Amino acid sequence: MTPEKKVKDKVVAILKAYEAYYFYPVTSGYGASGVPDIVGCYKEKFFAIECKANKNTPTALQERNMQKIRESGGVAIVVNEDNIKDVEVMLDELEGD
């Protein structure tokens, strides 16, 4: 299992615990490149999560897409092994809005 897959699995476990709707967007064929790894909705709020392993950072295209999500009223975060708790923080904040 790749380090990034481990991060994704931890994120999904949190999303399931919160009963959030989520999916992995397909980026080949008709899909768009640079879309975050996981997108979903929780308490009527759209969110996107880019999962990275180690000290990897989002590409410029991924950053642009996350900025567009934020400008449209959604929430977009980047998580890795060190800040996986940010997913819970995000969901708690969405619940409180």
N, C-alpha and C. Protein backbone atom coordinates (compact mmCIF):
# COMPACT_ATOMS: atom_id res chain seq x y z
N MET A 1 0.85 -1.17 0.00
CA MET A 1 0.00 0.00 0.00
C MET A 1 0.90 1.24 0.00
N THR A 2 0.58 2.19 -0.87
CA THR A 2 1.39 3.40 -0.96
C THR A 2 1.13 4.30 0.24
N PRO A 3 2.09 5.18 0.57
CA PRO A 3 1.88 6.11 1.68
C PRO A 3 0.65 7.00 1.47
N GLU A 4 0.41 7.44 0.22
CA GLU A 4 -0.76 8.27 -0.05
C GLU A 4 -2.05 7.49 0.16
N LYS A 5 -2.05 6.22 -0.21
CA LYS A 5 -3.24 5.38 -0.01
C LYS A 5 -3.55 5.25 1.48
N LYS A 6 -2.53 5.18 2.30
CA LYS A 6 -2.74 5.12 3.75
C LYS A 6 -3.43 6.39 4.25
N VAL A 7 -3.02 7.54 3.72
CA VAL A 7 -3.65 8.80 4.09
C VAL A 7 -5.11 8.80 3.64
N LYS A 8 -5.35 8.39 2.41
CA LYS A 8 -6.72 8.34 1.90
C LYS A 8 -7.59 7.43 2.75
N ASP A 9 -7.08 6.29 3.13
CA ASP A 9 -7.85 5.36 3.96
C ASP A 9 -8.22 5.98 5.31
N LYS A 10 -7.30 6.72 5.91
CA LYS A 10 -7.60 7.38 7.18
C LYS A 10 -8.65 8.47 7.00
N VAL A 11 -8.56 9.22 5.90
CA VAL A 11 -9.55 10.25 5.61
C VAL A 11 -10.92 9.62 5.43
N VAL A 12 -11.00 8.57 4.66
CA VAL A 12 -12.27 7.88 4.41
C VAL A 12 -12.86 7.35 5.71
N ALA A 13 -12.04 6.83 6.60
CA ALA A 13 -12.54 6.33 7.88
C ALA A 13 -13.21 7.46 8.67
N ILE A 14 -12.61 8.64 8.65
CA ILE A 14 -13.21 9.78 9.34
C ILE A 14 -14.51 10.19 8.67
N LEU A 15 -14.51 10.26 7.33
CA LEU A 15 -15.73 10.65 6.61
C LEU A 15 -16.86 9.68 6.89
N LYS A 16 -16.55 8.39 6.94
CA LYS A 16 -17.57 7.39 7.25
C LYS A 16 -18.09 7.56 8.67
N ALA A 17 -17.20 7.84 9.61
CA ALA A 17 -17.62 8.03 11.00
C ALA A 17 -18.58 9.20 11.14
N TYR A 18 -18.39 10.23 10.32
CA TYR A 18 -19.26 11.40 10.33
C TYR A 18 -20.48 11.22 9.42
N GLU A 19 -20.52 10.12 8.71
CA GLU A 19 -21.58 9.83 7.74
C GLU A 19 -21.68 10.92 6.67
N ALA A 20 -20.53 11.39 6.22
CA ALA A 20 -20.46 12.38 5.15
C ALA A 20 -20.54 11.68 3.80
N TYR A 21 -21.16 12.35 2.84
CA TYR A 21 -21.18 11.84 1.46
C TYR A 21 -19.85 12.23 0.82
N TYR A 22 -19.22 11.28 0.13
CA TYR A 22 -17.95 11.56 -0.54
C TYR A 22 -17.75 10.60 -1.70
N PHE A 23 -16.84 10.96 -2.59
CA PHE A 23 -16.43 10.05 -3.66
C PHE A 23 -15.07 10.47 -4.19
N TYR A 24 -14.47 9.55 -4.93
CA TYR A 24 -13.20 9.81 -5.61
C TYR A 24 -13.52 10.19 -7.06
N PRO A 25 -13.28 11.42 -7.48
CA PRO A 25 -13.58 11.79 -8.87
C PRO A 25 -12.64 11.10 -9.86
N VAL A 26 -13.18 10.75 -11.00
CA VAL A 26 -12.39 10.14 -12.07
C VAL A 26 -11.77 11.26 -12.88
N THR A 27 -10.45 11.20 -13.08
CA THR A 27 -9.78 12.29 -13.79
C THR A 27 -9.32 11.90 -15.19
N SER A 28 -9.69 10.73 -15.65
CA SER A 28 -9.32 10.33 -17.01
C SER A 28 -10.56 10.42 -17.90
N GLY A 29 -10.35 10.39 -19.18
CA GLY A 29 -11.49 10.45 -20.10
C GLY A 29 -12.14 11.82 -20.05
N TYR A 30 -13.38 11.87 -19.56
CA TYR A 30 -14.11 13.13 -19.51
C TYR A 30 -13.85 13.93 -18.23
N GLY A 31 -13.16 13.36 -17.28
CA GLY A 31 -12.88 14.06 -16.03
C GLY A 31 -11.83 15.15 -16.21
N ALA A 32 -11.79 16.07 -15.26
CA ALA A 32 -10.83 17.17 -15.31
C ALA A 32 -9.59 16.82 -14.49
N SER A 33 -8.45 17.28 -14.93
CA SER A 33 -7.21 17.08 -14.20
C SER A 33 -7.11 18.07 -13.05
N GLY A 34 -6.38 17.71 -12.03
CA GLY A 34 -6.14 18.61 -10.91
C GLY A 34 -7.26 18.67 -9.89
N VAL A 35 -8.27 17.83 -10.05
CA VAL A 35 -9.37 17.78 -9.08
C VAL A 35 -8.86 17.11 -7.81
N PRO A 36 -9.24 17.60 -6.63
CA PRO A 36 -8.79 16.96 -5.40
C PRO A 36 -9.17 15.49 -5.35
N ASP A 37 -8.44 14.72 -4.53
CA ASP A 37 -8.61 13.27 -4.45
C ASP A 37 -10.00 12.85 -4.01
N ILE A 38 -10.56 13.56 -3.05
CA ILE A 38 -11.86 13.20 -2.48
C ILE A 38 -12.72 14.46 -2.46
N VAL A 39 -13.94 14.36 -2.96
CA VAL A 39 -14.89 15.46 -2.88
C VAL A 39 -16.17 14.94 -2.24
N GLY A 40 -16.90 15.84 -1.62
CA GLY A 40 -18.12 15.39 -0.98
C GLY A 40 -18.94 16.54 -0.43
N CYS A 41 -19.93 16.16 0.37
CA CYS A 41 -20.85 17.12 0.96
C CYS A 41 -21.15 16.68 2.39
N TYR A 42 -21.18 17.67 3.28
CA TYR A 42 -21.51 17.39 4.68
C TYR A 42 -22.29 18.57 5.23
N LYS A 43 -23.45 18.29 5.77
CA LYS A 43 -24.32 19.33 6.34
C LYS A 43 -24.55 20.46 5.33
N GLU A 44 -24.85 20.05 4.11
CA GLU A 44 -25.18 20.97 3.00
C GLU A 44 -23.99 21.79 2.52
N LYS A 45 -22.78 21.40 2.89
CA LYS A 45 -21.58 22.13 2.49
C LYS A 45 -20.68 21.23 1.65
N PHE A 46 -20.16 21.79 0.55
CA PHE A 46 -19.26 21.08 -0.35
C PHE A 46 -17.85 21.13 0.20
N PHE A 47 -17.16 20.00 0.14
CA PHE A 47 -15.76 19.98 0.56
C PHE A 47 -14.92 19.17 -0.43
N ALA A 48 -13.62 19.46 -0.42
CA ALA A 48 -12.66 18.74 -1.25
C ALA A 48 -11.40 18.52 -0.43
N ILE A 49 -10.83 17.33 -0.56
CA ILE A 49 -9.64 16.99 0.21
C ILE A 49 -8.57 16.45 -0.74
N GLU A 50 -7.43 17.08 -0.73
CA GLU A 50 -6.27 16.60 -1.47
C GLU A 50 -5.38 15.86 -0.49
N CYS A 51 -5.11 14.60 -0.75
CA CYS A 51 -4.30 13.76 0.14
C CYS A 51 -2.87 13.69 -0.39
N LYS A 52 -1.93 13.92 0.48
CA LYS A 52 -0.51 13.84 0.13
C LYS A 52 0.21 12.98 1.15
N ALA A 53 1.30 12.41 0.74
CA ALA A 53 2.13 11.61 1.64
C ALA A 53 3.45 12.33 1.87
N ASN A 54 3.99 12.11 3.04
CA ASN A 54 5.28 12.69 3.40
C ASN A 54 5.20 14.20 3.31
N LYS A 55 6.15 14.81 2.69
CA LYS A 55 6.18 16.28 2.58
C LYS A 55 5.73 16.75 1.19
N ASN A 56 5.06 15.89 0.43
CA ASN A 56 4.58 16.28 -0.90
C ASN A 56 3.57 17.41 -0.79
N THR A 57 3.54 18.24 -1.80
CA THR A 57 2.62 19.37 -1.83
C THR A 57 1.79 19.33 -3.11
N PRO A 58 0.64 20.01 -3.11
CA PRO A 58 -0.20 20.02 -4.31
C PRO A 58 0.51 20.69 -5.49
N THR A 59 0.14 20.25 -6.69
CA THR A 59 0.65 20.87 -7.90
C THR A 59 -0.02 22.23 -8.07
N ALA A 60 0.51 23.02 -8.98
CA ALA A 60 -0.10 24.33 -9.26
C ALA A 60 -1.54 24.16 -9.73
N LEU A 61 -1.80 23.16 -10.56
CA LEU A 61 -3.17 22.92 -11.04
C LEU A 61 -4.09 22.52 -9.89
N GLN A 62 -3.61 21.68 -8.99
CA GLN A 62 -4.41 21.30 -7.83
C GLN A 62 -4.70 22.51 -6.95
N GLU A 63 -3.70 23.35 -6.75
CA GLU A 63 -3.89 24.58 -5.95
C GLU A 63 -4.94 25.49 -6.61
N ARG A 64 -4.87 25.63 -7.94
CA ARG A 64 -5.85 26.47 -8.66
C ARG A 64 -7.26 25.93 -8.46
N ASN A 65 -7.42 24.61 -8.60
CA ASN A 65 -8.74 24.01 -8.43
C ASN A 65 -9.26 24.19 -7.01
N MET A 66 -8.40 24.02 -6.02
CA MET A 66 -8.84 24.22 -4.64
C MET A 66 -9.22 25.67 -4.39
N GLN A 67 -8.50 26.60 -4.99
CA GLN A 67 -8.83 28.01 -4.84
C GLN A 67 -10.20 28.31 -5.48
N LYS A 68 -10.48 27.72 -6.62
CA LYS A 68 -11.79 27.90 -7.27
C LYS A 68 -12.91 27.36 -6.38
N ILE A 69 -12.65 26.23 -5.73
CA ILE A 69 -13.65 25.66 -4.81
C ILE A 69 -13.91 26.64 -3.67
N ARG A 70 -12.86 27.18 -3.10
CA ARG A 70 -13.01 28.14 -2.00
C ARG A 70 -13.75 29.39 -2.46
N GLU A 71 -13.41 29.89 -3.63
CA GLU A 71 -14.08 31.09 -4.16
C GLU A 71 -15.56 30.84 -4.43
N SER A 72 -15.92 29.59 -4.65
CA SER A 72 -17.31 29.23 -4.91
C SER A 72 -18.08 28.90 -3.63
N GLY A 73 -17.44 29.04 -2.48
CA GLY A 73 -18.12 28.81 -1.22
C GLY A 73 -17.87 27.45 -0.60
N GLY A 74 -17.06 26.61 -1.25
CA GLY A 74 -16.74 25.30 -0.71
C GLY A 74 -15.50 25.36 0.18
N VAL A 75 -15.18 24.24 0.76
CA VAL A 75 -14.00 24.11 1.61
C VAL A 75 -13.05 23.15 0.94
N ALA A 76 -11.78 23.51 0.87
CA ALA A 76 -10.76 22.64 0.28
C ALA A 76 -9.55 22.63 1.19
N ILE A 77 -9.11 21.41 1.54
CA ILE A 77 -7.95 21.27 2.41
C ILE A 77 -6.97 20.24 1.84
N VAL A 78 -5.74 20.33 2.31
CA VAL A 78 -4.70 19.36 1.97
C VAL A 78 -4.33 18.65 3.26
N VAL A 79 -4.32 17.32 3.22
CA VAL A 79 -3.95 16.56 4.42
C VAL A 79 -2.84 15.57 4.09
N ASN A 80 -2.05 15.29 5.13
CA ASN A 80 -1.02 14.26 5.06
C ASN A 80 -1.01 13.53 6.39
N GLU A 81 0.00 12.73 6.62
CA GLU A 81 0.05 11.94 7.85
C GLU A 81 0.09 12.81 9.10
N ASP A 82 0.65 14.01 8.98
CA ASP A 82 0.86 14.87 10.14
C ASP A 82 -0.37 15.69 10.53
N ASN A 83 -1.27 15.95 9.60
CA ASN A 83 -2.41 16.81 9.92
C ASN A 83 -3.76 16.15 9.60
N ILE A 84 -3.83 14.85 9.72
CA ILE A 84 -5.05 14.10 9.40
C ILE A 84 -6.23 14.58 10.26
N LYS A 85 -5.95 15.09 11.44
CA LYS A 85 -7.01 15.61 12.32
C LYS A 85 -7.72 16.81 11.71
N ASP A 86 -7.10 17.47 10.72
CA ASP A 86 -7.74 18.60 10.06
C ASP A 86 -9.05 18.20 9.38
N VAL A 87 -9.18 16.94 9.03
CA VAL A 87 -10.45 16.47 8.43
C VAL A 87 -11.56 16.57 9.45
N GLU A 88 -11.31 16.12 10.67
CA GLU A 88 -12.32 16.23 11.73
C GLU A 88 -12.62 17.69 12.05
N VAL A 89 -11.59 18.52 12.10
CA VAL A 89 -11.78 19.94 12.36
C VAL A 89 -12.67 20.55 11.28
N MET A 90 -12.39 20.23 10.01
CA MET A 90 -13.19 20.75 8.90
C MET A 90 -14.65 20.33 9.05
N LEU A 91 -14.88 19.04 9.32
CA LEU A 91 -16.25 18.55 9.43
C LEU A 91 -16.96 19.16 10.63
N ASP A 92 -16.26 19.31 11.73
CA ASP A 92 -16.87 19.97 12.90
C ASP A 92 -17.25 21.40 12.59
N GLU A 93 -16.40 22.12 11.85
CA GLU A 93 -16.71 23.48 11.47
C GLU A 93 -17.89 23.54 10.51
N LEU A 94 -17.95 22.60 9.57
CA LEU A 94 -19.10 22.57 8.65
C LEU A 94 -20.38 22.27 9.40
N GLU A 95 -20.30 21.44 10.41
CA GLU A 95 -21.48 21.11 11.21
C GLU A 95 -21.98 22.32 11.98
N GLY A 96 -21.04 23.16 12.41
CA GLY A 96 -21.40 24.33 13.19
C GLY A 96 -21.91 25.50 12.37
N ASP A 97 -21.65 25.51 11.08
CA ASP A 97 -22.08 26.63 10.22
C ASP A 97 -23.59 26.66 10.07
